[in-house]
Amino acid sequence: MSEKVMLHYFNGRGKMESIRWLLTVARVEFDETYLDTREQYEELVKDGSLMFQQVPMVEIDGMKLVQTRAILNYIAEKYHLHGKDLKDRAMVNMYSEGLIDLMEMMMILPFCADPKPKLDNIYAKAKDRYLPVFEKALTGPVYLVGGKLSMADVLLLECTLMLEERFVGIMGDFPNVKSFQGRMLLTPAVAHFISPGSKRKPMPDENYAQRAAKVFNMKLPLQ
């Protein structure tokens, strides 16, 4: 029996949350070790666990994987969430990269002194650049690529939920994406993950930012 997947990160969303989502949809059980102190981080660096001295880090299949996209791609490949062929994988990756770009804009907000200009920029880009792509792609198909569930679908669900936390009603002009979201929320694994008491992390706040700053010796707020 293989060992349970172990995640190393802060007790919060950040870049690990997409990995939690993907593992959940793949029905893979995982445990977590939270970084609360600078000393914990330095120990991971010292023992060679962090290739580029960065987290997230995921222990899986006897490996210590770093770099968020590499981790996501490995999980997607292993659990058949990466398309049926090379062309499908290219589409899954393009959609996923765009969604990660948008979510990373939101991840920085708790670290900013004045998030208002960044929120305005995120809202505009979500409505003008990102959501129209997915609205068009979901005109007819149930899933984004190849007629089957993929990493891109999981990240789209995560991203739309993040957007709705920040911008009430933002999905009003995107009925296909909203319908897709509704279907995904009904799947048992997702329904469990969004329920109270699950391993899904809450919306990040100032306390989350302070914990991360403590571990990485960052000075807040960021510009």
C-alpha atoms as a PDB file:
ATOM      1  CA  MET A   1       0.000   0.000   0.000  1.00  0.00           C
ATOM      2  CA  SER A   2       1.449   3.373  -1.005  1.00  0.00           C
ATOM      3  CA  GLU A   3       1.983   6.066   1.594  1.00  0.00           C
ATOM      4  CA  LYS A   4      -0.516   8.883   1.846  1.00  0.00           C
ATOM      5  CA  VAL A   5       0.372  12.036  -0.053  1.00  0.00           C
ATOM      6  CA  MET A   6       1.854  14.707   2.218  1.00  0.00           C
ATOM      7  CA  LEU A   7       1.587  18.443   1.563  1.00  0.00           C
ATOM      8  CA  HIS A   8       3.996  21.002   3.018  1.00  0.00           C
ATOM      9  CA  TYR A   9       2.715  24.578   3.100  1.00  0.00           C
ATOM     10  CA  PHE A  10       1.114  27.204   5.301  1.00  0.00           C
ATOM     11  CA  ASN A  11      -2.263  26.627   6.902  1.00  0.00           C
ATOM     12  CA  GLY A  12      -3.997  28.597   4.173  1.00  0.00           C
ATOM     13  CA  ARG A  13      -4.852  28.608   0.501  1.00  0.00           C
ATOM     14  CA  GLY A  14      -2.058  30.162  -1.513  1.00  0.00           C
ATOM     15  CA  LYS A  15      -0.545  28.094  -4.289  1.00  0.00           C
ATOM     16  CA  MET A  16      -1.298  24.823  -2.490  1.00  0.00           C
ATOM     17  CA  GLU A  17      -5.070  25.214  -2.746  1.00  0.00           C
ATOM     18  CA  SER A  18      -5.220  24.220  -6.415  1.00  0.00           C
ATOM     19  CA  ILE A  19      -3.256  21.094  -5.513  1.00  0.00           C
ATOM     20  CA  ARG A  20      -5.741  20.313  -2.745  1.00  0.00           C
ATOM     21  CA  TRP A  21      -8.589  20.754  -5.217  1.00  0.00           C
ATOM     22  CA  LEU A  22      -7.010  18.476  -7.804  1.00  0.00           C
ATOM     23  CA  LEU A  23      -6.209  15.730  -5.308  1.00  0.00           C
ATOM     24  CA  THR A  24      -9.748  15.940  -3.952  1.00  0.00           C
ATOM     25  CA  VAL A  25     -11.362  15.551  -7.366  1.00  0.00           C
ATOM     26  CA  ALA A  26      -8.962  12.677  -8.125  1.00  0.00           C
ATOM     27  CA  ARG A  27     -10.142  11.114  -4.828  1.00  0.00           C
ATOM     28  CA  VAL A  28      -6.631  10.972  -3.396  1.00  0.00           C
ATOM     29  CA  GLU A  29      -6.309  11.182   0.379  1.00  0.00           C
ATOM     30  CA  PHE A  30      -3.648  13.523   1.706  1.00  0.00           C
ATOM     31  CA  ASP A  31      -2.229  14.842   4.949  1.00  0.00           C
ATOM     32  CA  GLU A  32      -0.639  18.211   5.589  1.00  0.00           C
ATOM     33  CA  THR A  33       2.322  19.575   7.524  1.00  0.00           C
ATOM     34  CA  TYR A  34       1.919  23.287   8.139  1.00  0.00           C
ATOM     35  CA  LEU A  35       4.824  25.708   8.152  1.00  0.00           C
ATOM     36  CA  ASP A  36       4.367  27.989  11.154  1.00  0.00           C
ATOM     37  CA  THR A  37       7.945  28.972  11.927  1.00  0.00           C
ATOM     38  CA  ARG A  38      11.064  30.083  10.102  1.00  0.00           C
ATOM     39  CA  GLU A  39      12.882  27.122  11.647  1.00  0.00           C
ATOM     40  CA  GLN A  40      10.561  24.593   9.976  1.00  0.00           C
ATOM     41  CA  TYR A  41      11.236  26.173   6.608  1.00  0.00           C
ATOM     42  CA  GLU A  42      14.982  26.293   7.167  1.00  0.00           C
ATOM     43  CA  GLU A  43      15.002  22.603   8.086  1.00  0.00           C
ATOM     44  CA  LEU A  44      13.330  21.714   4.771  1.00  0.00           C
ATOM     45  CA  VAL A  45      15.925  23.784   2.941  1.00  0.00           C
ATOM     46  CA  LYS A  46      18.775  22.238   4.927  1.00  0.00           C
ATOM     47  CA  ASP A  47      17.731  18.641   4.243  1.00  0.00           C
ATOM     48  CA  GLY A  48      17.385  19.305   0.498  1.00  0.00           C
ATOM     49  CA  SER A  49      13.607  18.917   0.333  1.00  0.00           C
ATOM     50  CA  LEU A  50      13.056  22.224  -1.478  1.00  0.00           C
ATOM     51  CA  MET A  51      14.824  22.284  -4.827  1.00  0.00           C
ATOM     52  CA  PHE A  52      14.509  26.049  -5.224  1.00  0.00           C
ATOM     53  CA  GLN A  53      13.950  26.878  -1.530  1.00  0.00           C
ATOM     54  CA  GLN A  54      10.238  27.391  -2.219  1.00  0.00           C
ATOM     55  CA  VAL A  55       6.942  25.835  -1.240  1.00  0.00           C
ATOM     56  CA  PRO A  56       4.521  24.268  -1.995  1.00  0.00           C
ATOM     57  CA  MET A  57       6.180  20.881  -1.709  1.00  0.00           C
ATOM     58  CA  VAL A  58       4.350  17.590  -2.130  1.00  0.00           C
ATOM     59  CA  GLU A  59       5.604  14.168  -1.123  1.00  0.00           C
ATOM     60  CA  ILE A  60       4.145  11.600  -3.508  1.00  0.00           C
ATOM     61  CA  ASP A  61       5.352   8.302  -4.968  1.00  0.00           C
ATOM     62  CA  GLY A  62       8.656   8.558  -3.134  1.00  0.00           C
ATOM     63  CA  MET A  63       9.391  12.011  -4.565  1.00  0.00           C
ATOM     64  CA  LYS A  64       9.439  15.511  -3.150  1.00  0.00           C
ATOM     65  CA  LEU A  65       7.842  17.621  -5.845  1.00  0.00           C
ATOM     66  CA  VAL A  66       8.130  21.399  -6.001  1.00  0.00           C
ATOM     67  CA  GLN A  67       6.939  24.093  -8.412  1.00  0.00           C
ATOM     68  CA  THR A  68       3.152  24.382  -8.481  1.00  0.00           C
ATOM     69  CA  ARG A  69       2.629  23.709 -12.172  1.00  0.00           C
ATOM     70  CA  ALA A  70       4.916  20.683 -12.118  1.00  0.00           C
ATOM     71  CA  ILE A  71       2.996  19.262  -9.164  1.00  0.00           C
ATOM     72  CA  LEU A  72      -0.369  19.877 -10.822  1.00  0.00           C
ATOM     73  CA  ASN A  73       0.766  18.306 -14.085  1.00  0.00           C
ATOM     74  CA  TYR A  74       2.100  15.224 -12.314  1.00  0.00           C
ATOM     75  CA  ILE A  75      -1.169  14.701 -10.447  1.00  0.00           C
ATOM     76  CA  ALA A  76      -3.205  15.339 -13.602  1.00  0.00           C
ATOM     77  CA  GLU A  77      -1.158  12.787 -15.560  1.00  0.00           C
ATOM     78  CA  LYS A  78      -1.224  10.172 -12.798  1.00  0.00           C
ATOM     79  CA  TYR A  79      -4.985  10.369 -12.277  1.00  0.00           C
ATOM     80  CA  HIS A  80      -6.087  10.785 -15.905  1.00  0.00           C
ATOM     81  CA  LEU A  81      -7.059  14.447 -15.656  1.00  0.00           C
ATOM     82  CA  HIS A  82      -4.749  15.670 -18.410  1.00  0.00           C
ATOM     83  CA  GLY A  83      -6.579  14.815 -21.626  1.00  0.00           C
ATOM     84  CA  LYS A  84      -6.439  11.732 -23.835  1.00  0.00           C
ATOM     85  CA  ASP A  85      -3.575  12.788 -26.133  1.00  0.00           C
ATOM     86  CA  LEU A  86      -0.924  15.438 -26.750  1.00  0.00           C
ATOM     87  CA  LYS A  87      -3.336  17.926 -28.323  1.00  0.00           C
ATOM     88  CA  ASP A  88      -5.770  17.584 -25.421  1.00  0.00           C
ATOM     89  CA  ARG A  89      -2.938  18.115 -22.949  1.00  0.00           C
ATOM     90  CA  ALA A  90      -1.913  21.287 -24.741  1.00  0.00           C
ATOM     91  CA  MET A  91      -5.454  22.643 -24.422  1.00  0.00           C
ATOM     92  CA  VAL A  92      -5.725  21.585 -20.767  1.00  0.00           C
ATOM     93  CA  ASN A  93      -2.427  23.325 -20.060  1.00  0.00           C
ATOM     94  CA  MET A  94      -3.394  26.520 -21.873  1.00  0.00           C
ATOM     95  CA  TYR A  95      -6.678  26.811 -19.993  1.00  0.00           C
ATOM     96  CA  SER A  96      -4.974  25.917 -16.718  1.00  0.00           C
ATOM     97  CA  GLU A  97      -2.159  28.429 -17.167  1.00  0.00           C
ATOM     98  CA  GLY A  98      -4.650  31.219 -17.799  1.00  0.00           C
ATOM     99  CA  LEU A  99      -6.644  30.309 -14.703  1.00  0.00           C
ATOM    100  CA  ILE A 100      -3.508  30.138 -12.565  1.00  0.00           C
ATOM    101  CA  ASP A 101      -2.505  33.598 -13.807  1.00  0.00           C
ATOM    102  CA  LEU A 102      -5.866  34.996 -12.728  1.00  0.00           C
ATOM    103  CA  MET A 103      -5.865  33.231  -9.359  1.00  0.00           C
ATOM    104  CA  GLU A 104      -2.345  34.426  -8.592  1.00  0.00           C
ATOM    105  CA  MET A 105      -3.570  38.003  -8.978  1.00  0.00           C
ATOM    106  CA  MET A 106      -6.026  37.290  -6.156  1.00  0.00           C
ATOM    107  CA  MET A 107      -3.477  35.482  -4.001  1.00  0.00           C
ATOM    108  CA  ILE A 108      -1.415  38.640  -3.547  1.00  0.00           C
ATOM    109  CA  LEU A 109      -4.302  40.703  -2.139  1.00  0.00           C
ATOM    110  CA  PRO A 110      -3.834  39.849   1.580  1.00  0.00           C
ATOM    111  CA  PHE A 111      -0.247  41.095   1.353  1.00  0.00           C
ATOM    112  CA  CYS A 112      -1.141  44.544  -0.048  1.00  0.00           C
ATOM    113  CA  ALA A 113      -1.687  47.734   1.912  1.00  0.00           C
ATOM    114  CA  ASP A 114      -4.331  48.995  -0.504  1.00  0.00           C
ATOM    115  CA  PRO A 115      -5.942  46.159  -2.490  1.00  0.00           C
ATOM    116  CA  LYS A 116      -8.517  48.399  -4.212  1.00  0.00           C
ATOM    117  CA  PRO A 117      -6.518  49.142  -7.410  1.00  0.00           C
ATOM    118  CA  LYS A 118      -5.606  45.458  -7.731  1.00  0.00           C
ATOM    119  CA  LEU A 119      -9.226  44.412  -7.194  1.00  0.00           C
ATOM    120  CA  ASP A 120     -10.345  46.779  -9.948  1.00  0.00           C
ATOM    121  CA  ASN A 121      -7.734  45.318 -12.287  1.00  0.00           C
ATOM    122  CA  ILE A 122      -8.710  41.739 -11.438  1.00  0.00           C
ATOM    123  CA  TYR A 123     -12.391  42.460 -12.023  1.00  0.00           C
ATOM    124  CA  ALA A 124     -11.732  44.057 -15.394  1.00  0.00           C
ATOM    125  CA  LYS A 125      -9.424  41.288 -16.578  1.00  0.00           C
ATOM    126  CA  ALA A 126     -11.741  38.542 -15.356  1.00  0.00           C
ATOM    127  CA  LYS A 127     -14.700  40.002 -17.265  1.00  0.00           C
ATOM    128  CA  ASP A 128     -12.861  41.124 -20.395  1.00  0.00           C
ATOM    129  CA  ARG A 129     -10.033  38.624 -20.852  1.00  0.00           C
ATOM    130  CA  TYR A 130     -10.579  35.376 -18.961  1.00  0.00           C
ATOM    131  CA  LEU A 131     -14.247  34.530 -18.407  1.00  0.00           C
ATOM    132  CA  PRO A 132     -15.264  35.134 -22.063  1.00  0.00           C
ATOM    133  CA  VAL A 133     -12.818  32.394 -23.114  1.00  0.00           C
ATOM    134  CA  PHE A 134     -14.499  29.847 -20.882  1.00  0.00           C
ATOM    135  CA  GLU A 135     -18.002  31.044 -21.699  1.00  0.00           C
ATOM    136  CA  LYS A 136     -17.286  30.346 -25.372  1.00  0.00           C
ATOM    137  CA  ALA A 137     -15.589  27.003 -24.686  1.00  0.00           C
ATOM    138  CA  LEU A 138     -18.584  25.785 -22.663  1.00  0.00           C
ATOM    139  CA  THR A 139     -21.145  26.585 -25.336  1.00  0.00           C
ATOM    140  CA  GLY A 140     -22.363  23.016 -25.735  1.00  0.00           C
ATOM    141  CA  PRO A 141     -19.645  20.863 -24.138  1.00  0.00           C
ATOM    142  CA  VAL A 142     -20.025  19.705 -20.554  1.00  0.00           C
ATOM    143  CA  TYR A 143     -16.269  19.865 -19.976  1.00  0.00           C
ATOM    144  CA  LEU A 144     -13.581  22.132 -21.399  1.00  0.00           C
ATOM    145  CA  VAL A 145     -11.446  19.566 -23.238  1.00  0.00           C
ATOM    146  CA  GLY A 146     -12.201  16.299 -24.997  1.00  0.00           C
ATOM    147  CA  GLY A 147     -15.580  15.700 -23.430  1.00  0.00           C
ATOM    148  CA  LYS A 148     -14.128  14.518 -20.121  1.00  0.00           C
ATOM    149  CA  LEU A 149     -13.134  15.945 -16.768  1.00  0.00           C
ATOM    150  CA  SER A 150      -9.645  17.445 -16.644  1.00  0.00           C
ATOM    151  CA  MET A 151      -7.408  19.620 -14.498  1.00  0.00           C
ATOM    152  CA  ALA A 152      -8.671  22.649 -16.419  1.00  0.00           C
ATOM    153  CA  ASP A 153     -12.227  22.012 -15.208  1.00  0.00           C
ATOM    154  CA  VAL A 154     -11.067  21.703 -11.607  1.00  0.00           C
ATOM    155  CA  LEU A 155      -9.119  24.966 -11.771  1.00  0.00           C
ATOM    156  CA  LEU A 156     -12.018  26.751 -13.469  1.00  0.00           C
ATOM    157  CA  LEU A 157     -14.308  25.749 -10.616  1.00  0.00           C
ATOM    158  CA  GLU A 158     -11.786  26.907  -8.026  1.00  0.00           C
ATOM    159  CA  CYS A 159     -11.230  30.198  -9.842  1.00  0.00           C
ATOM    160  CA  THR A 160     -14.926  31.028 -10.265  1.00  0.00           C
ATOM    161  CA  LEU A 161     -15.563  30.417  -6.587  1.00  0.00           C
ATOM    162  CA  MET A 162     -12.660  32.717  -5.718  1.00  0.00           C
ATOM    163  CA  LEU A 163     -14.029  35.404  -8.014  1.00  0.00           C
ATOM    164  CA  GLU A 164     -17.488  35.201  -6.468  1.00  0.00           C
ATOM    165  CA  GLU A 165     -15.978  35.637  -2.993  1.00  0.00           C
ATOM    166  CA  ARG A 166     -14.541  38.962  -4.148  1.00  0.00           C
ATOM    167  CA  PHE A 167     -17.119  40.141  -6.677  1.00  0.00           C
ATOM    168  CA  VAL A 168     -20.740  39.285  -6.004  1.00  0.00           C
ATOM    169  CA  GLY A 169     -22.668  38.776  -9.236  1.00  0.00           C
ATOM    170  CA  ILE A 170     -19.620  38.623 -11.497  1.00  0.00           C
ATOM    171  CA  MET A 171     -20.877  35.429 -13.138  1.00  0.00           C
ATOM    172  CA  GLY A 172     -24.132  37.062 -14.226  1.00  0.00           C
ATOM    173  CA  ASP A 173     -22.892  37.670 -17.774  1.00  0.00           C
ATOM    174  CA  PHE A 174     -21.492  34.151 -18.135  1.00  0.00           C
ATOM    175  CA  PRO A 175     -24.377  31.661 -17.938  1.00  0.00           C
ATOM    176  CA  ASN A 176     -22.432  28.760 -19.454  1.00  0.00           C
ATOM    177  CA  VAL A 177     -19.678  29.094 -16.890  1.00  0.00           C
ATOM    178  CA  LYS A 178     -22.230  29.432 -14.093  1.00  0.00           C
ATOM    179  CA  SER A 179     -24.041  26.290 -15.239  1.00  0.00           C
ATOM    180  CA  PHE A 180     -20.726  24.451 -15.399  1.00  0.00           C
ATOM    181  CA  GLN A 181     -19.957  25.574 -11.863  1.00  0.00           C
ATOM    182  CA  GLY A 182     -23.333  24.288 -10.677  1.00  0.00           C
ATOM    183  CA  ARG A 183     -22.741  20.862 -12.237  1.00  0.00           C
ATOM    184  CA  MET A 184     -19.290  20.576 -10.715  1.00  0.00           C
ATOM    185  CA  LEU A 185     -20.571  21.518  -7.264  1.00  0.00           C
ATOM    186  CA  LEU A 186     -22.958  18.563  -7.352  1.00  0.00           C
ATOM    187  CA  THR A 187     -20.215  15.962  -7.741  1.00  0.00           C
ATOM    188  CA  PRO A 188     -19.701  14.068  -4.439  1.00  0.00           C
ATOM    189  CA  ALA A 189     -15.990  14.827  -4.033  1.00  0.00           C
ATOM    190  CA  VAL A 190     -16.505  18.546  -4.644  1.00  0.00           C
ATOM    191  CA  ALA A 191     -19.605  18.703  -2.457  1.00  0.00           C
ATOM    192  CA  HIS A 192     -17.607  17.220   0.400  1.00  0.00           C
ATOM    193  CA  PHE A 193     -14.640  19.550  -0.150  1.00  0.00           C
ATOM    194  CA  ILE A 194     -16.755  22.696   0.065  1.00  0.00           C
ATOM    195  CA  SER A 195     -18.547  21.484   3.201  1.00  0.00           C
ATOM    196  CA  PRO A 196     -17.628  22.747   6.678  1.00  0.00           C
ATOM    197  CA  GLY A 197     -14.829  20.784   8.297  1.00  0.00           C
ATOM    198  CA  SER A 198     -13.155  19.749   5.050  1.00  0.00           C
ATOM    199  CA  LYS A 199      -9.522  20.377   4.110  1.00  0.00           C
ATOM    200  CA  ARG A 200     -10.488  23.361   1.990  1.00  0.00           C
ATOM    201  CA  LYS A 201      -8.957  26.510   3.421  1.00  0.00           C
ATOM    202  CA  PRO A 202     -10.881  29.717   4.168  1.00  0.00           C
ATOM    203  CA  MET A 203     -10.468  32.943   2.282  1.00  0.00           C
ATOM    204  CA  PRO A 204      -7.027  34.318   3.222  1.00  0.00           C
ATOM    205  CA  ASP A 205      -6.817  37.238   5.611  1.00  0.00           C
ATOM    206  CA  GLU A 206      -4.235  39.380   7.367  1.00  0.00           C
ATOM    207  CA  ASN A 207      -3.339  36.565   9.779  1.00  0.00           C
ATOM    208  CA  TYR A 208      -2.470  34.282   6.859  1.00  0.00           C
ATOM    209  CA  ALA A 209      -0.280  36.997   5.365  1.00  0.00           C
ATOM    210  CA  GLN A 210       1.496  37.524   8.685  1.00  0.00           C
ATOM    211  CA  ARG A 211       2.247  33.801   9.044  1.00  0.00           C
ATOM    212  CA  ALA A 212       3.728  33.620   5.553  1.00  0.00           C
ATOM    213  CA  ALA A 213       5.754  36.787   6.157  1.00  0.00           C
ATOM    214  CA  LYS A 214       7.147  35.327   9.379  1.00  0.00           C
ATOM    215  CA  VAL A 215       8.326  32.125   7.683  1.00  0.00           C
ATOM    216  CA  PHE A 216       9.900  33.915   4.716  1.00  0.00           C
ATOM    217  CA  ASN A 217      11.179  37.001   6.550  1.00  0.00           C
ATOM    218  CA  MET A 218       9.072  39.243   4.337  1.00  0.00           C
ATOM    219  CA  LYS A 219       8.274  42.833   5.140  1.00  0.00           C
ATOM    220  CA  LEU A 220       4.600  43.720   4.852  1.00  0.00           C
ATOM    221  CA  PRO A 221       2.759  45.233   3.185  1.00  0.00           C
ATOM    222  CA  LEU A 222       4.040  44.432  -0.270  1.00  0.00           C
ATOM    223  CA  GLN A 223       3.754  47.097  -2.937  1.00  0.00           C
END
